[in-house]
Amino acid sequence: MDTDNFDRKHFLGSFIRCVFHVSSKEYQKRVWIEGRGPECDDFEDTANFIIGDGEIILKNYRDFGINDDQFFLLNGFYSEFNFFSDEHFFAQEFIDTPEWTKITEMAKEVLKAFHWKTPDQEF
């Protein structure tokens, strides 16, 4: 197997798992707000990951095997998330807002476009 292709596949898979975290208010309440594991994560970690790795993926989306439809959904989600995360820091303050609900729904659409089934699924 081509090592570069293998690395891109795992890089994208890790990113999509993070998008799953954004899509799941159950996960957010349990992990981000209540601090119950086994995951160790918070909104700031997620935001840094989405913004940093998302930029790399979007700039090189063809190298990651992303088609135009997936790119369109991912880019829209990324833009909304990036804007939102610049103004919000504490999940307990925004988790039930309409703006955050819109972002969680956009994340679900990204997951569908990438054929994501479960958080444990290998990408």
C-alpha atoms as a PDB file:
ATOM      1  CA  MET A   1       0.000   0.000   0.000  1.00  0.00           C
ATOM      2  CA  ASP A   2       1.184   3.513  -0.810  1.00  0.00           C
ATOM      3  CA  THR A   3       2.269   5.026   2.527  1.00  0.00           C
ATOM      4  CA  ASP A   4       1.195   8.545   1.519  1.00  0.00           C
ATOM      5  CA  ASN A   5      -2.252   7.250   0.539  1.00  0.00           C
ATOM      6  CA  PHE A   6      -2.463   5.313   3.813  1.00  0.00           C
ATOM      7  CA  ASP A   7      -1.519   8.438   5.815  1.00  0.00           C
ATOM      8  CA  ARG A   8      -4.073  10.609   3.983  1.00  0.00           C
ATOM      9  CA  LYS A   9      -6.768   7.990   4.573  1.00  0.00           C
ATOM     10  CA  HIS A  10      -6.073   7.946   8.311  1.00  0.00           C
ATOM     11  CA  PHE A  11      -5.733  11.739   8.492  1.00  0.00           C
ATOM     12  CA  LEU A  12      -9.129  12.156   6.817  1.00  0.00           C
ATOM     13  CA  GLY A  13     -10.624   9.406   8.979  1.00  0.00           C
ATOM     14  CA  SER A  14      -9.495  11.166  12.155  1.00  0.00           C
ATOM     15  CA  PHE A  15     -10.965  14.400  10.880  1.00  0.00           C
ATOM     16  CA  ILE A  16     -14.313  12.781  10.047  1.00  0.00           C
ATOM     17  CA  ARG A  17     -14.416  11.210  13.534  1.00  0.00           C
ATOM     18  CA  CYS A  18     -14.044  14.754  14.897  1.00  0.00           C
ATOM     19  CA  VAL A  19     -16.928  15.896  12.672  1.00  0.00           C
ATOM     20  CA  PHE A  20     -18.949  13.101  14.304  1.00  0.00           C
ATOM     21  CA  HIS A  21     -18.242  14.716  17.693  1.00  0.00           C
ATOM     22  CA  VAL A  22     -19.673  17.968  16.351  1.00  0.00           C
ATOM     23  CA  SER A  23     -22.748  16.145  15.034  1.00  0.00           C
ATOM     24  CA  SER A  24     -23.615  14.482  18.348  1.00  0.00           C
ATOM     25  CA  LYS A  25     -25.083  16.592  21.138  1.00  0.00           C
ATOM     26  CA  GLU A  26     -25.126  13.427  23.250  1.00  0.00           C
ATOM     27  CA  TYR A  27     -21.332  13.192  22.885  1.00  0.00           C
ATOM     28  CA  GLN A  28     -20.929  16.921  23.573  1.00  0.00           C
ATOM     29  CA  LYS A  29     -23.005  16.810  26.760  1.00  0.00           C
ATOM     30  CA  ARG A  30     -21.288  13.674  28.029  1.00  0.00           C
ATOM     31  CA  VAL A  31     -17.691  14.547  27.141  1.00  0.00           C
ATOM     32  CA  TRP A  32     -17.420  18.319  26.687  1.00  0.00           C
ATOM     33  CA  ILE A  33     -19.788  19.420  29.450  1.00  0.00           C
ATOM     34  CA  GLU A  34     -19.939  16.589  32.012  1.00  0.00           C
ATOM     35  CA  GLY A  35     -16.365  15.386  31.474  1.00  0.00           C
ATOM     36  CA  ARG A  36     -17.406  11.731  31.410  1.00  0.00           C
ATOM     37  CA  GLY A  37     -15.200   9.539  29.243  1.00  0.00           C
ATOM     38  CA  PRO A  38     -13.734   7.403  28.233  1.00  0.00           C
ATOM     39  CA  GLU A  39     -12.879  10.158  25.726  1.00  0.00           C
ATOM     40  CA  CYS A  40     -10.881  13.151  26.884  1.00  0.00           C
ATOM     41  CA  ASP A  41     -11.934  16.071  24.712  1.00  0.00           C
ATOM     42  CA  ASP A  42     -13.433  19.547  24.878  1.00  0.00           C
ATOM     43  CA  PHE A  43     -14.790  22.115  22.465  1.00  0.00           C
ATOM     44  CA  GLU A  44     -11.485  23.966  22.217  1.00  0.00           C
ATOM     45  CA  ASP A  45      -9.617  20.781  21.241  1.00  0.00           C
ATOM     46  CA  THR A  46     -12.282  19.981  18.673  1.00  0.00           C
ATOM     47  CA  ALA A  47     -12.242  23.513  17.257  1.00  0.00           C
ATOM     48  CA  ASN A  48      -8.453  23.510  16.919  1.00  0.00           C
ATOM     49  CA  PHE A  49      -8.544  20.135  15.186  1.00  0.00           C
ATOM     50  CA  ILE A  50     -11.399  21.043  12.817  1.00  0.00           C
ATOM     51  CA  ILE A  51      -9.867  24.397  11.854  1.00  0.00           C
ATOM     52  CA  GLY A  52      -6.262  23.222  11.503  1.00  0.00           C
ATOM     53  CA  ASP A  53      -6.767  19.876   9.813  1.00  0.00           C
ATOM     54  CA  GLY A  54      -9.833  21.052   7.908  1.00  0.00           C
ATOM     55  CA  GLU A  55      -7.802  23.747   6.202  1.00  0.00           C
ATOM     56  CA  ILE A  56      -5.232  21.166   5.051  1.00  0.00           C
ATOM     57  CA  ILE A  57      -7.926  18.815   3.777  1.00  0.00           C
ATOM     58  CA  LEU A  58      -9.869  21.525   1.949  1.00  0.00           C
ATOM     59  CA  LYS A  59      -6.769  22.963   0.256  1.00  0.00           C
ATOM     60  CA  ASN A  60      -5.786  19.480  -0.952  1.00  0.00           C
ATOM     61  CA  TYR A  61      -9.177  17.819  -1.193  1.00  0.00           C
ATOM     62  CA  ARG A  62      -8.462  15.975  -4.440  1.00  0.00           C
ATOM     63  CA  ASP A  63      -5.359  14.396  -2.862  1.00  0.00           C
ATOM     64  CA  PHE A  64      -7.665  13.055  -0.134  1.00  0.00           C
ATOM     65  CA  GLY A  65     -10.016  11.493  -2.698  1.00  0.00           C
ATOM     66  CA  ILE A  66     -12.814  13.918  -1.900  1.00  0.00           C
ATOM     67  CA  ASN A  67     -15.321  14.482  -4.690  1.00  0.00           C
ATOM     68  CA  ASP A  68     -16.925  17.824  -5.534  1.00  0.00           C
ATOM     69  CA  ASP A  69     -20.172  17.119  -3.648  1.00  0.00           C
ATOM     70  CA  GLN A  70     -18.257  16.106  -0.520  1.00  0.00           C
ATOM     71  CA  PHE A  71     -16.059  19.183  -0.872  1.00  0.00           C
ATOM     72  CA  PHE A  72     -19.078  21.475  -1.132  1.00  0.00           C
ATOM     73  CA  LEU A  73     -20.647  20.094   2.068  1.00  0.00           C
ATOM     74  CA  LEU A  74     -17.350  19.974   3.937  1.00  0.00           C
ATOM     75  CA  ASN A  75     -16.435  23.528   2.928  1.00  0.00           C
ATOM     76  CA  GLY A  76     -19.829  24.863   4.031  1.00  0.00           C
ATOM     77  CA  PHE A  77     -19.576  23.081   7.375  1.00  0.00           C
ATOM     78  CA  TYR A  78     -16.001  24.275   7.849  1.00  0.00           C
ATOM     79  CA  SER A  79     -16.913  27.907   7.146  1.00  0.00           C
ATOM     80  CA  GLU A  80     -19.879  27.909   9.529  1.00  0.00           C
ATOM     81  CA  PHE A  81     -17.915  26.096  12.237  1.00  0.00           C
ATOM     82  CA  ASN A  82     -14.914  28.403  11.875  1.00  0.00           C
ATOM     83  CA  PHE A  83     -17.067  31.528  12.187  1.00  0.00           C
ATOM     84  CA  PHE A  84     -18.975  30.106  15.172  1.00  0.00           C
ATOM     85  CA  SER A  85     -15.871  28.938  17.039  1.00  0.00           C
ATOM     86  CA  ASP A  86     -14.336  32.427  16.822  1.00  0.00           C
ATOM     87  CA  GLU A  87     -17.162  33.752  19.015  1.00  0.00           C
ATOM     88  CA  HIS A  88     -18.028  30.800  21.302  1.00  0.00           C
ATOM     89  CA  PHE A  89     -15.882  28.955  23.806  1.00  0.00           C
ATOM     90  CA  PHE A  90     -17.986  27.096  26.385  1.00  0.00           C
ATOM     91  CA  ALA A  91     -20.256  24.329  25.123  1.00  0.00           C
ATOM     92  CA  GLN A  92     -22.666  24.636  28.036  1.00  0.00           C
ATOM     93  CA  GLU A  93     -23.412  28.189  26.869  1.00  0.00           C
ATOM     94  CA  PHE A  94     -24.229  27.329  23.241  1.00  0.00           C
ATOM     95  CA  ILE A  95     -25.153  23.658  22.946  1.00  0.00           C
ATOM     96  CA  ASP A  96     -28.897  24.329  22.743  1.00  0.00           C
ATOM     97  CA  THR A  97     -28.791  27.418  20.514  1.00  0.00           C
ATOM     98  CA  PRO A  98     -30.270  27.416  17.008  1.00  0.00           C
ATOM     99  CA  GLU A  99     -26.874  28.418  15.578  1.00  0.00           C
ATOM    100  CA  TRP A 100     -25.161  25.373  17.083  1.00  0.00           C
ATOM    101  CA  THR A 101     -28.018  23.099  16.050  1.00  0.00           C
ATOM    102  CA  LYS A 102     -27.499  24.279  12.457  1.00  0.00           C
ATOM    103  CA  ILE A 103     -23.811  23.334  12.682  1.00  0.00           C
ATOM    104  CA  THR A 104     -24.590  19.900  14.149  1.00  0.00           C
ATOM    105  CA  GLU A 105     -27.015  19.290  11.277  1.00  0.00           C
ATOM    106  CA  MET A 106     -24.390  20.364   8.748  1.00  0.00           C
ATOM    107  CA  ALA A 107     -21.943  17.942  10.390  1.00  0.00           C
ATOM    108  CA  LYS A 108     -24.509  15.135   9.960  1.00  0.00           C
ATOM    109  CA  GLU A 109     -24.739  15.959   6.258  1.00  0.00           C
ATOM    110  CA  VAL A 110     -20.935  15.739   5.967  1.00  0.00           C
ATOM    111  CA  LEU A 111     -21.025  12.340   7.665  1.00  0.00           C
ATOM    112  CA  LYS A 112     -23.661  11.121   5.199  1.00  0.00           C
ATOM    113  CA  ALA A 113     -21.588  12.363   2.256  1.00  0.00           C
ATOM    114  CA  PHE A 114     -18.590  10.423   3.551  1.00  0.00           C
ATOM    115  CA  HIS A 115     -20.725   7.313   4.264  1.00  0.00           C
ATOM    116  CA  TRP A 116     -19.951   7.427   7.990  1.00  0.00           C
ATOM    117  CA  LYS A 117     -21.782   4.717   9.937  1.00  0.00           C
ATOM    118  CA  THR A 118     -20.492   4.582  13.516  1.00  0.00           C
ATOM    119  CA  PRO A 119     -17.863   6.353  15.603  1.00  0.00           C
ATOM    120  CA  ASP A 120     -15.833   3.122  15.760  1.00  0.00           C
ATOM    121  CA  GLN A 121     -15.846   2.525  12.013  1.00  0.00           C
ATOM    122  CA  GLU A 122     -12.441   2.440  10.386  1.00  0.00           C
ATOM    123  CA  PHE A 123     -12.365   4.911   7.532  1.00  0.00           C
END
